[in-house]
Protein backbone atom coordinates (compact mmCIF):
# COMPACT_ATOMS: atom_id res chain seq x y z
CA MET A 1 111.96 63.99 -6.54
CA SER A 2 113.65 61.67 -4.16
CA LYS A 3 113.42 57.92 -4.45
CA LYS A 4 112.87 55.86 -1.36
CA LYS A 5 115.02 52.81 -1.26
CA ARG A 6 113.42 49.72 0.20
CA HIS A 7 115.53 47.92 2.74
CA TRP A 8 117.11 44.68 1.49
CA LEU A 9 115.59 42.70 4.38
CA TRP A 10 112.05 43.39 3.14
CA ASN A 11 112.97 42.31 -0.38
CA LEU A 12 114.46 39.09 0.97
CA LEU A 13 111.37 38.45 3.11
CA ILE A 14 109.05 38.92 0.10
CA VAL A 15 111.10 36.55 -2.07
CA LEU A 16 111.28 33.88 0.68
CA THR A 17 107.52 34.12 1.22
CA LEU A 18 106.83 33.62 -2.49
CA VAL A 19 109.23 30.65 -2.65
CA PHE A 20 107.61 29.07 0.42
CA CYS A 21 104.08 29.49 -1.04
CA ALA A 22 105.15 28.01 -4.38
CA PHE A 23 106.79 25.06 -2.59
CA ALA A 24 103.65 24.40 -0.49
CA PHE A 25 101.51 24.52 -3.64
CA VAL A 26 103.73 22.01 -5.47
CA LEU A 27 103.71 19.61 -2.50
CA HIS A 28 99.90 19.62 -2.20
CA TYR A 29 99.14 19.87 -5.92
CA LYS A 30 98.57 16.16 -6.39
CA ASN A 31 98.48 12.89 -4.51
CA TRP A 32 101.55 10.69 -4.67
CA HIS A 33 101.13 6.98 -4.10
CA SER A 34 103.12 3.79 -4.16
CA ILE A 35 102.33 0.15 -3.56
CA GLU A 36 105.52 -1.60 -2.53
CA SER A 37 106.34 -4.56 -0.31
CA GLY A 38 102.73 -5.11 0.71
CA GLU A 39 102.13 -1.52 1.76
CA LEU A 40 100.11 1.35 0.27
CA SER A 41 101.69 4.74 0.82
CA ILE A 42 99.78 7.96 0.05
CA THR A 43 101.38 11.39 0.34
CA SER A 44 100.07 14.84 -0.34
CA GLY A 45 102.19 17.61 1.11
CA ILE A 46 102.27 17.25 4.89
CA TYR A 47 99.57 14.57 4.88
CA ARG A 48 100.82 11.01 4.68
CA GLN A 49 99.32 7.58 5.30
CA LYS A 50 100.90 4.14 5.13
CA VAL A 51 98.59 1.15 5.24
CA ALA A 52 99.67 -2.47 5.06
CA ILE A 53 97.56 -4.23 2.45
CA SER A 54 97.02 -7.06 4.94
CA GLU A 55 95.31 -4.53 7.27
CA ILE A 56 92.78 -3.35 4.66
CA ASP A 57 89.28 -4.54 5.57
CA SER A 58 87.33 -3.29 2.56
CA ILE A 59 87.65 -1.18 -0.53
CA SER A 60 84.94 0.34 -2.70
CA MET A 61 84.28 3.13 -5.18
CA VAL A 62 81.96 5.88 -3.98
CA GLU A 63 80.50 8.85 -5.76
CA ARG A 64 80.48 11.24 -2.80
CA ILE A 65 82.24 11.51 0.52
CA PRO A 66 80.00 11.84 3.60
CA GLU A 67 79.51 15.02 5.60
CA MET A 68 82.42 15.41 8.00
CA GLU A 69 84.00 18.01 10.25
CA ARG A 70 87.51 19.10 9.36
CA SER A 71 90.10 18.61 12.09
CA HIS A 72 92.81 20.11 9.92
CA GLY A 73 93.30 20.32 6.21
CA PHE A 74 92.00 22.41 3.36
CA SER A 75 89.50 22.58 0.54
CA TRP A 76 90.26 24.47 -2.62
CA ARG A 77 88.03 24.31 -5.69
CA ALA A 78 87.57 20.57 -6.33
CA ARG A 79 90.41 19.46 -4.03
CA GLU A 80 89.97 18.36 -0.46
CA LYS A 81 92.80 17.11 1.71
CA GLY A 82 93.41 16.59 5.38
CA VAL A 83 92.19 14.84 8.48
CA PHE A 84 88.46 14.92 9.13
CA GLN A 85 86.18 13.69 11.93
CA ASP A 86 83.31 11.39 11.00
CA SER A 87 80.20 12.95 12.55
CA LEU A 88 78.54 9.57 13.17
CA THR A 89 81.35 7.41 14.58
CA GLN A 90 83.69 10.19 15.75
CA SER A 91 86.62 8.38 14.09
CA LYS A 92 89.40 9.92 12.02
CA VAL A 93 88.98 10.00 8.27
CA TYR A 94 91.90 10.81 5.99
CA VAL A 95 90.93 12.54 2.75
CA PHE A 96 93.22 12.71 -0.27
CA VAL A 97 90.85 13.92 -3.00
CA ASP A 98 92.21 15.69 -6.08
CA ASP A 99 88.82 16.03 -7.79
CA LEU A 100 85.54 15.97 -5.85
CA ARG A 101 83.54 15.55 -9.08
CA GLN A 102 85.01 12.12 -9.82
CA HIS A 103 84.55 8.79 -8.06
CA LYS A 104 86.65 8.17 -4.99
CA ILE A 105 88.23 5.06 -3.49
CA ARG A 106 86.86 4.37 -0.01
CA LEU A 107 89.35 2.30 1.91
CA VAL A 108 88.63 0.94 5.42
CA HIS A 109 91.52 -0.39 7.48
CA HIS A 110 92.06 -1.45 11.09
CA ASP A 111 88.27 -2.03 11.43
CA SER A 112 87.15 1.60 11.42
CA LEU A 113 89.76 3.98 10.00
CA LYS A 114 88.80 5.32 6.60
CA ILE A 115 90.68 6.87 3.73
CA PHE A 116 89.04 8.57 0.76
CA LEU A 117 91.37 8.83 -2.21
CA ASN A 118 91.31 9.81 -5.84
CA PHE A 119 93.58 11.37 -8.41
CA SER A 120 92.99 14.10 -10.97
CA ASP A 121 93.27 11.39 -13.63
CA SER A 122 90.20 9.13 -13.35
CA LEU A 123 91.99 6.32 -15.19
CA LEU A 124 94.73 6.30 -12.57
CA THR A 125 92.10 6.17 -9.83
CA GLN A 126 90.45 3.19 -11.52
CA LYS A 127 93.83 1.47 -12.02
CA VAL A 128 94.80 1.89 -8.34
CA TYR A 129 91.35 0.63 -7.27
CA GLU A 130 91.62 -2.47 -9.46
CA ASN A 131 95.18 -3.14 -8.26
CA LEU A 132 94.20 -2.89 -4.58
CA ASN A 133 91.02 -4.91 -5.13
CA GLU A 134 93.03 -7.67 -6.82
CA LYS A 135 95.48 -7.77 -3.90
CA LEU A 136 92.58 -7.97 -1.43
CA VAL A 137 90.96 -10.83 -3.32
CA LEU A 138 94.26 -12.71 -3.21
CA LYS A 139 94.55 -11.98 0.53
CA PHE A 140 91.04 -13.31 1.26
CA GLU A 141 91.60 -16.41 -0.89
CA ALA A 142 94.83 -17.14 1.00
CA GLN A 143 92.93 -16.92 4.31
CA LYS A 144 90.38 -19.59 3.25
């Protein structure tokens, strides 16, 4: 019996593909956020949004996200991430949802742009919501 030897290029291509897939999974696995110097930054893989806290119009907790058409992004199990099109207003909606079963933060900025955000840890979602809500209350009190 003769053994066929696989060419080294195919082996390299298989390994590089597996490394690339693992890297993409790690980047999109969870939402990364930071609130620094008056700006909220949300990152999940290739999707990223930076919103100045002074530009936030409203913030609320919602149980479900509305029906939308996906421009680009993905849904996998209880995760949903990407850029969507609101079917009513035809505006862009950015979705960074780690768990569709939990409550989400609905953030409206620049009058009509929306972001839906939550984390796999519901306590972290609540903490971020309270932190942003507190900063908004301070912003509105300063405007009075």
